[in-house]
C-alpha atoms as a PDB file:
ATOM      1  CA  MET A   1     122.468  67.202 102.187  1.00  0.00           C
ATOM      2  CA  VAL A   2     125.712  66.244 101.768  1.00  0.00           C
ATOM      3  CA  ARG A   3     126.813  64.175  99.065  1.00  0.00           C
ATOM      4  CA  TYR A   4     130.186  63.875  98.513  1.00  0.00           C
ATOM      5  CA  GLU A   5     132.912  65.128 100.747  1.00  0.00           C
ATOM      6  CA  GLU A   6     136.926  64.907 100.726  1.00  0.00           C
ATOM      7  CA  ARG A   7     139.621  66.311 102.664  1.00  0.00           C
ATOM      8  CA  SER A   8     142.576  66.459 102.285  1.00  0.00           C
ATOM      9  CA  PRO A   9     145.603  65.982 104.411  1.00  0.00           C
ATOM     10  CA  THR A  10     143.724  63.943 106.709  1.00  0.00           C
ATOM     11  CA  ARG A  11     144.213  63.779 111.154  1.00  0.00           C
ATOM     12  CA  ARG A  12     146.313  61.240 110.373  1.00  0.00           C
ATOM     13  CA  SER A  13     149.026  63.326 108.515  1.00  0.00           C
ATOM     14  CA  TRP A  14     149.130  66.331 110.291  1.00  0.00           C
ATOM     15  CA  LEU A  15     150.156  63.583 113.398  1.00  0.00           C
ATOM     16  CA  ILE A  16     152.628  61.652 111.146  1.00  0.00           C
ATOM     17  CA  LEU A  17     154.021  64.918 110.475  1.00  0.00           C
ATOM     18  CA  LEU A  18     154.587  65.753 114.258  1.00  0.00           C
ATOM     19  CA  VAL A  19     155.781  62.653 114.988  1.00  0.00           C
ATOM     20  CA  VAL A  20     158.132  63.051 112.529  1.00  0.00           C
ATOM     21  CA  CYS A  21     158.792  66.363 113.804  1.00  0.00           C
ATOM     22  CA  VAL A  22     159.466  65.778 117.223  1.00  0.00           C
ATOM     23  CA  VAL A  23     161.187  62.419 116.763  1.00  0.00           C
ATOM     24  CA  GLY A  24     164.017  64.513 114.720  1.00  0.00           C
ATOM     25  CA  TRP A  25     164.328  67.542 116.741  1.00  0.00           C
ATOM     26  CA  VAL A  26     165.013  64.909 119.293  1.00  0.00           C
ATOM     27  CA  GLY A  27     167.069  62.951 117.139  1.00  0.00           C
ATOM     28  CA  LEU A  28     169.894  65.965 116.738  1.00  0.00           C
ATOM     29  CA  SER A  29     169.351  67.646 119.329  1.00  0.00           C
ATOM     30  CA  PHE A  30     171.374  65.538 121.457  1.00  0.00           C
ATOM     31  CA  GLY A  31     174.442  65.888 118.430  1.00  0.00           C
ATOM     32  CA  GLU A  32     177.308  68.928 118.504  1.00  0.00           C
ATOM     33  CA  GLY A  33     175.238  72.088 117.491  1.00  0.00           C
ATOM     34  CA  GLY A  34     172.947  71.239 120.440  1.00  0.00           C
ATOM     35  CA  TRP A  35     168.743  71.846 120.412  1.00  0.00           C
ATOM     36  CA  VAL A  36     169.861  75.209 118.900  1.00  0.00           C
ATOM     37  CA  ILE A  37     170.042  73.783 115.743  1.00  0.00           C
ATOM     38  CA  ALA A  38     167.875  71.148 115.858  1.00  0.00           C
ATOM     39  CA  THR A  39     165.052  73.311 115.919  1.00  0.00           C
ATOM     40  CA  ILE A  40     166.077  75.854 113.092  1.00  0.00           C
ATOM     41  CA  LEU A  41     166.489  72.166 110.439  1.00  0.00           C
ATOM     42  CA  VAL A  42     163.546  70.900 112.190  1.00  0.00           C
ATOM     43  CA  GLY A  43     161.740  74.116 112.074  1.00  0.00           C
ATOM     44  CA  ILE A  44     162.582  74.851 108.224  1.00  0.00           C
ATOM     45  CA  VAL A  45     161.944  70.979 107.136  1.00  0.00           C
ATOM     46  CA  GLY A  46     158.887  71.126 109.458  1.00  0.00           C
ATOM     47  CA  GLY A  47     157.191  74.336 108.403  1.00  0.00           C
ATOM     48  CA  ILE A  48     158.335  73.682 104.676  1.00  0.00           C
ATOM     49  CA  ALA A  49     156.366  70.454 104.958  1.00  0.00           C
ATOM     50  CA  ALA A  50     153.192  71.894 106.530  1.00  0.00           C
ATOM     51  CA  ILE A  51     152.866  74.550 104.597  1.00  0.00           C
ATOM     52  CA  THR A  52     152.558  72.322 101.658  1.00  0.00           C
ATOM     53  CA  MET A  53     150.147  70.326 103.522  1.00  0.00           C
ATOM     54  CA  TRP A  54     147.801  72.766 104.169  1.00  0.00           C
ATOM     55  CA  SER A  55     148.254  74.635 101.064  1.00  0.00           C
ATOM     56  CA  THR A  56     147.192  70.971  99.220  1.00  0.00           C
ATOM     57  CA  GLY A  57     143.979  71.673 102.154  1.00  0.00           C
ATOM     58  CA  LEU A  58     142.788  74.944 100.732  1.00  0.00           C
ATOM     59  CA  TYR A  59     143.182  74.176  97.144  1.00  0.00           C
ATOM     60  CA  GLY A  60     141.919  70.676  97.236  1.00  0.00           C
ATOM     61  CA  ASN A  61     139.142  70.230  99.493  1.00  0.00           C
ATOM     62  CA  ILE A  62     135.620  68.679  97.825  1.00  0.00           C
ATOM     63  CA  ARG A  63     132.134  69.656  99.329  1.00  0.00           C
ATOM     64  CA  LEU A  64     129.176  68.492  97.303  1.00  0.00           C
ATOM     65  CA  THR A  65     126.060  69.677  98.634  1.00  0.00           C
ATOM     66  CA  ASP A  66     122.346  69.639  96.969  1.00  0.00           C
ATOM     67  CA  SER A  67     123.278  73.022  95.439  1.00  0.00           C
ATOM     68  CA  GLU A  68     126.598  73.645  94.706  1.00  0.00           C
ATOM     69  CA  LEU A  69     129.639  72.041  94.256  1.00  0.00           C
ATOM     70  CA  ARG A  70     132.858  73.700  96.194  1.00  0.00           C
ATOM     71  CA  VAL A  71     136.589  72.714  95.457  1.00  0.00           C
ATOM     72  CA  GLY A  72     139.099  74.647  96.911  1.00  0.00           C
ATOM     73  CA  ARG A  73     138.613  78.523  97.092  1.00  0.00           C
ATOM     74  CA  SER A  74     135.708  77.489  94.322  1.00  0.00           C
ATOM     75  CA  ARG A  75     132.018  77.330  94.574  1.00  0.00           C
ATOM     76  CA  VAL A  76     130.068  75.916  91.416  1.00  0.00           C
ATOM     77  CA  PRO A  77     126.348  75.928  91.533  1.00  0.00           C
ATOM     78  CA  LEU A  78     125.203  72.931  90.121  1.00  0.00           C
ATOM     79  CA  ALA A  79     122.563  74.473  88.193  1.00  0.00           C
ATOM     80  CA  ASP A  80     125.822  75.715  85.996  1.00  0.00           C
ATOM     81  CA  LEU A  81     126.795  72.761  85.375  1.00  0.00           C
ATOM     82  CA  TYR A  82     126.255  69.667  82.262  1.00  0.00           C
ATOM     83  CA  PRO A  83     122.838  68.319  83.730  1.00  0.00           C
ATOM     84  CA  TRP A  84     123.771  65.299  81.737  1.00  0.00           C
ATOM     85  CA  GLY A  85     126.755  63.550  83.473  1.00  0.00           C
ATOM     86  CA  VAL A  86     129.900  63.681  84.167  1.00  0.00           C
ATOM     87  CA  PRO A  87     131.919  62.443  80.906  1.00  0.00           C
ATOM     88  CA  GLU A  88     134.230  59.708  82.174  1.00  0.00           C
ATOM     89  CA  ASN A  89     136.974  59.747  79.152  1.00  0.00           C
ATOM     90  CA  ALA A  90     136.871  63.756  78.517  1.00  0.00           C
ATOM     91  CA  GLU A  91     139.678  65.334  76.790  1.00  0.00           C
ATOM     92  CA  GLN A  92     142.524  66.326  79.450  1.00  0.00           C
ATOM     93  CA  GLY A  93     143.129  69.612  77.672  1.00  0.00           C
ATOM     94  CA  ARG A  94     144.180  72.574  79.315  1.00  0.00           C
ATOM     95  CA  ALA A  95     141.198  73.661  81.594  1.00  0.00           C
ATOM     96  CA  PRO A  96     141.969  75.831  84.480  1.00  0.00           C
ATOM     97  CA  LEU A  97     142.046  73.717  87.970  1.00  0.00           C
ATOM     98  CA  ALA A  98     139.420  74.394  89.784  1.00  0.00           C
ATOM     99  CA  GLY A  99     140.076  75.658  93.320  1.00  0.00           C
ATOM    100  CA  GLY A 100     142.499  78.249  92.484  1.00  0.00           C
ATOM    101  CA  ALA A 101     145.837  75.426  92.650  1.00  0.00           C
ATOM    102  CA  LEU A 102     148.016  76.570  89.878  1.00  0.00           C
ATOM    103  CA  ALA A 103     148.553  72.822  89.006  1.00  0.00           C
ATOM    104  CA  PRO A 104     147.318  69.621  89.807  1.00  0.00           C
ATOM    105  CA  THR A 105     149.536  67.466  92.988  1.00  0.00           C
ATOM    106  CA  LEU A 106     151.714  64.409  91.751  1.00  0.00           C
ATOM    107  CA  GLY A 107     149.328  61.672  90.861  1.00  0.00           C
ATOM    108  CA  ALA A 108     146.486  62.726  91.352  1.00  0.00           C
ATOM    109  CA  ASN A 109     142.936  61.657  89.241  1.00  0.00           C
ATOM    110  CA  ILE A 110     141.515  64.771  87.437  1.00  0.00           C
ATOM    111  CA  MET A 111     138.341  64.292  85.611  1.00  0.00           C
ATOM    112  CA  GLU A 112     136.568  67.067  83.657  1.00  0.00           C
ATOM    113  CA  LEU A 113     133.489  69.168  84.014  1.00  0.00           C
ATOM    114  CA  HIS A 114     131.918  71.000  81.442  1.00  0.00           C
ATOM    115  CA  ARG A 115     129.477  74.095  82.227  1.00  0.00           C
ATOM    116  CA  ARG A 116     126.475  74.794  80.325  1.00  0.00           C
ATOM    117  CA  ASN A 117     128.373  77.998  78.918  1.00  0.00           C
ATOM    118  CA  GLY A 118     130.175  75.408  77.249  1.00  0.00           C
ATOM    119  CA  THR A 119     133.634  76.451  79.714  1.00  0.00           C
ATOM    120  CA  ARG A 120     135.103  73.688  81.042  1.00  0.00           C
ATOM    121  CA  PHE A 121     136.876  72.758  84.317  1.00  0.00           C
ATOM    122  CA  ARG A 122     139.176  70.920  86.162  1.00  0.00           C
ATOM    123  CA  VAL A 123     139.139  68.577  89.477  1.00  0.00           C
ATOM    124  CA  GLN A 124     141.557  66.384  91.087  1.00  0.00           C
ATOM    125  CA  SER A 125     139.991  63.748  93.352  1.00  0.00           C
ATOM    126  CA  LYS A 126     141.110  60.679  95.574  1.00  0.00           C
ATOM    127  CA  ASN A 127     138.268  58.665  94.133  1.00  0.00           C
ATOM    128  CA  PRO A 128     137.165  60.211  90.945  1.00  0.00           C
ATOM    129  CA  ASP A 129     134.472  57.456  89.950  1.00  0.00           C
ATOM    130  CA  ALA A 130     132.360  58.329  93.765  1.00  0.00           C
ATOM    131  CA  LEU A 131     132.767  62.133  92.867  1.00  0.00           C
ATOM    132  CA  ARG A 132     131.248  60.842  89.580  1.00  0.00           C
ATOM    133  CA  ALA A 133     128.391  58.837  90.859  1.00  0.00           C
ATOM    134  CA  ALA A 134     127.729  61.565  93.660  1.00  0.00           C
ATOM    135  CA  LEU A 135     127.356  64.656  90.367  1.00  0.00           C
ATOM    136  CA  ASP A 136     125.116  62.083  88.554  1.00  0.00           C
ATOM    137  CA  GLU A 137     123.085  61.673  91.382  1.00  0.00           C
ATOM    138  CA  ALA A 138     122.997  65.315  92.397  1.00  0.00           C
ATOM    139  CA  LEU A 139     122.920  66.995  88.968  1.00  0.00           C
ATOM    140  CA  THR A 140     119.707  64.785  88.622  1.00  0.00           C
ATOM    141  CA  PRO A 141     117.087  67.822  88.993  1.00  0.00           C
ATOM    142  CA  PHE A 142     118.375  70.059  86.931  1.00  0.00           C
ATOM    143  CA  ARG A 143     117.615  68.501  84.113  1.00  0.00           C
END
Protein backbone atom coordinates (compact mmCIF):
# COMPACT_ATOMS: atom_id res chain seq x y z
CA MET A 1 0.00 0.00 0.00
CA VAL A 2 1.32 3.46 -0.90
CA ARG A 3 1.37 5.64 2.20
CA TYR A 4 2.89 8.79 0.70
CA GLU A 5 3.89 9.92 -2.78
CA GLU A 6 5.43 13.05 -4.29
CA ARG A 7 5.84 13.48 -7.99
CA SER A 8 7.79 16.29 -9.50
CA PRO A 9 7.26 17.95 -11.92
CA THR A 10 3.51 17.82 -12.30
CA ARG A 11 1.64 17.41 -15.57
CA ARG A 12 0.64 21.03 -15.26
CA SER A 13 4.32 22.07 -15.29
CA TRP A 14 4.92 20.10 -18.49
CA LEU A 15 1.86 21.69 -20.08
CA ILE A 16 3.04 25.17 -19.12
CA LEU A 17 6.46 24.47 -20.65
CA LEU A 18 4.81 23.26 -23.86
CA VAL A 19 2.57 26.33 -24.09
CA VAL A 20 5.49 28.69 -23.45
CA CYS A 21 7.56 26.97 -26.14
CA VAL A 22 4.73 27.08 -28.70
CA VAL A 23 3.95 30.74 -27.99
CA GLY A 24 7.66 31.60 -28.10
CA TRP A 25 8.12 29.77 -31.39
CA VAL A 26 5.10 31.45 -32.98
CA GLY A 27 6.23 34.87 -31.74
CA LEU A 28 9.81 34.44 -32.96
CA SER A 29 8.94 32.87 -36.30
CA PHE A 30 7.36 36.09 -37.55
CA GLY A 31 10.56 38.02 -36.86
CA GLU A 32 13.55 38.58 -39.12
CA GLY A 33 15.12 35.14 -38.84
CA GLY A 34 11.96 33.24 -39.61
CA TRP A 35 11.09 29.78 -38.42
CA VAL A 36 14.70 28.48 -38.52
CA ILE A 37 15.98 30.87 -35.85
CA ALA A 38 12.78 30.40 -33.84
CA THR A 39 13.18 26.63 -33.92
CA ILE A 40 16.82 26.79 -32.84
CA LEU A 41 16.21 29.24 -29.98
CA VAL A 42 13.07 27.56 -28.66
CA GLY A 43 14.70 24.14 -29.10
CA ILE A 44 17.75 25.09 -27.03
CA VAL A 45 15.92 26.94 -24.25
CA GLY A 46 12.99 24.50 -24.16
CA GLY A 47 15.36 21.52 -24.25
CA ILE A 48 17.36 22.82 -21.28
CA ALA A 49 14.15 23.46 -19.33
CA ALA A 50 12.77 20.00 -20.21
CA ILE A 51 15.99 18.23 -19.18
CA THR A 52 16.00 20.14 -15.89
CA MET A 53 12.37 19.22 -15.17
CA TRP A 54 12.96 15.59 -16.13
CA SER A 55 16.01 15.30 -13.86
CA THR A 56 14.17 16.76 -10.86
CA GLY A 57 11.60 14.01 -11.34
CA LEU A 58 14.22 11.30 -11.79
CA TYR A 59 16.14 12.26 -8.64
CA GLY A 60 13.35 13.73 -6.51
CA ASN A 61 10.22 11.58 -6.73
CA ILE A 62 9.26 10.05 -3.38
CA ARG A 63 7.19 6.93 -2.80
CA LEU A 64 6.64 5.42 0.65
CA THR A 65 5.06 1.97 0.85
CA ASP A 66 4.62 -0.48 3.71
CA SER A 67 8.05 -2.00 3.09
CA GLU A 68 10.32 0.64 1.52
CA LEU A 69 11.06 4.29 0.99
CA ARG A 70 11.97 5.11 -2.60
CA VAL A 71 13.56 8.49 -3.28
CA GLY A 72 14.61 8.99 -6.87
CA ARG A 73 16.81 6.03 -7.74
CA SER A 74 17.44 5.03 -4.10
CA ARG A 75 15.46 2.33 -2.37
CA VAL A 76 15.67 2.05 1.40
CA PRO A 77 13.87 -0.82 3.17
CA LEU A 78 11.92 0.45 6.16
CA ALA A 79 13.55 -2.26 8.26
CA ASP A 80 16.87 -0.40 7.78
CA LEU A 81 15.55 2.92 9.15
CA TYR A 82 15.71 3.99 12.77
CA PRO A 83 12.26 2.85 13.98
CA TRP A 84 11.53 5.41 16.71
CA GLY A 85 10.44 8.24 14.50
CA VAL A 86 11.97 10.90 12.40
CA PRO A 87 13.68 13.74 14.25
CA GLU A 88 12.04 17.09 13.52
CA ASN A 89 15.08 19.28 14.01
CA ALA A 90 17.93 17.00 13.14
CA GLU A 91 21.26 18.66 12.60
CA GLN A 92 21.73 19.32 8.90
CA GLY A 93 25.14 17.84 8.33
CA ARG A 94 26.83 16.78 5.15
CA ALA A 95 24.90 13.52 4.84
CA PRO A 96 24.40 12.37 1.25
CA LEU A 97 21.21 13.28 -0.54
CA ALA A 98 19.02 10.26 -1.30
CA GLY A 99 17.95 9.66 -4.87
CA GLY A 100 21.20 10.27 -6.68
CA ALA A 101 21.12 14.07 -6.91
CA LEU A 102 24.34 15.92 -6.20
CA ALA A 103 22.64 18.84 -4.46
CA PRO A 104 19.12 19.82 -3.40
CA THR A 105 17.05 22.07 -5.61
CA LEU A 106 16.70 25.71 -4.69
CA GLY A 107 14.21 26.25 -1.89
CA ALA A 108 13.85 22.54 -1.12
CA ASN A 109 12.78 21.38 2.33
CA ILE A 110 15.38 18.93 3.57
CA MET A 111 14.88 16.34 6.26
CA GLU A 112 17.51 14.00 7.60
CA LEU A 113 16.81 10.32 8.25
CA HIS A 114 18.82 7.88 10.34
CA ARG A 115 19.53 4.23 9.62
CA ARG A 116 19.85 1.53 12.24
CA ASN A 117 23.58 1.23 11.57
CA GLY A 118 24.08 4.90 12.47
CA THR A 119 24.50 6.36 8.99
CA ARG A 120 22.38 9.27 7.86
CA PHE A 121 20.95 10.52 4.60
CA ARG A 122 18.91 13.53 3.53
CA VAL A 123 15.61 13.63 1.66
CA GLN A 124 14.19 16.71 -0.04
CA SER A 125 10.43 16.97 0.15
CA LYS A 126 7.73 19.47 -0.78
CA ASN A 127 5.82 18.62 2.39
CA PRO A 128 8.22 17.29 5.03
CA ASP A 129 5.58 17.26 7.77
CA ALA A 130 3.33 14.92 5.80
CA LEU A 131 6.30 12.70 4.91
CA ARG A 132 7.41 12.64 8.54
CA ALA A 133 3.91 11.65 9.70
CA ALA A 134 3.65 8.92 7.05
CA LEU A 135 7.09 7.58 8.00
CA ASP A 136 6.19 7.52 11.70
CA GLU A 137 3.07 5.53 10.87
CA ALA A 138 4.89 3.17 8.48
CA LEU A 139 7.71 2.48 10.96
CA THR A 140 5.33 1.34 13.72
CA PRO A 141 5.56 -2.39 12.85
CA PHE A 142 9.39 -2.25 12.91
CA ARG A 143 9.60 -1.12 16.54
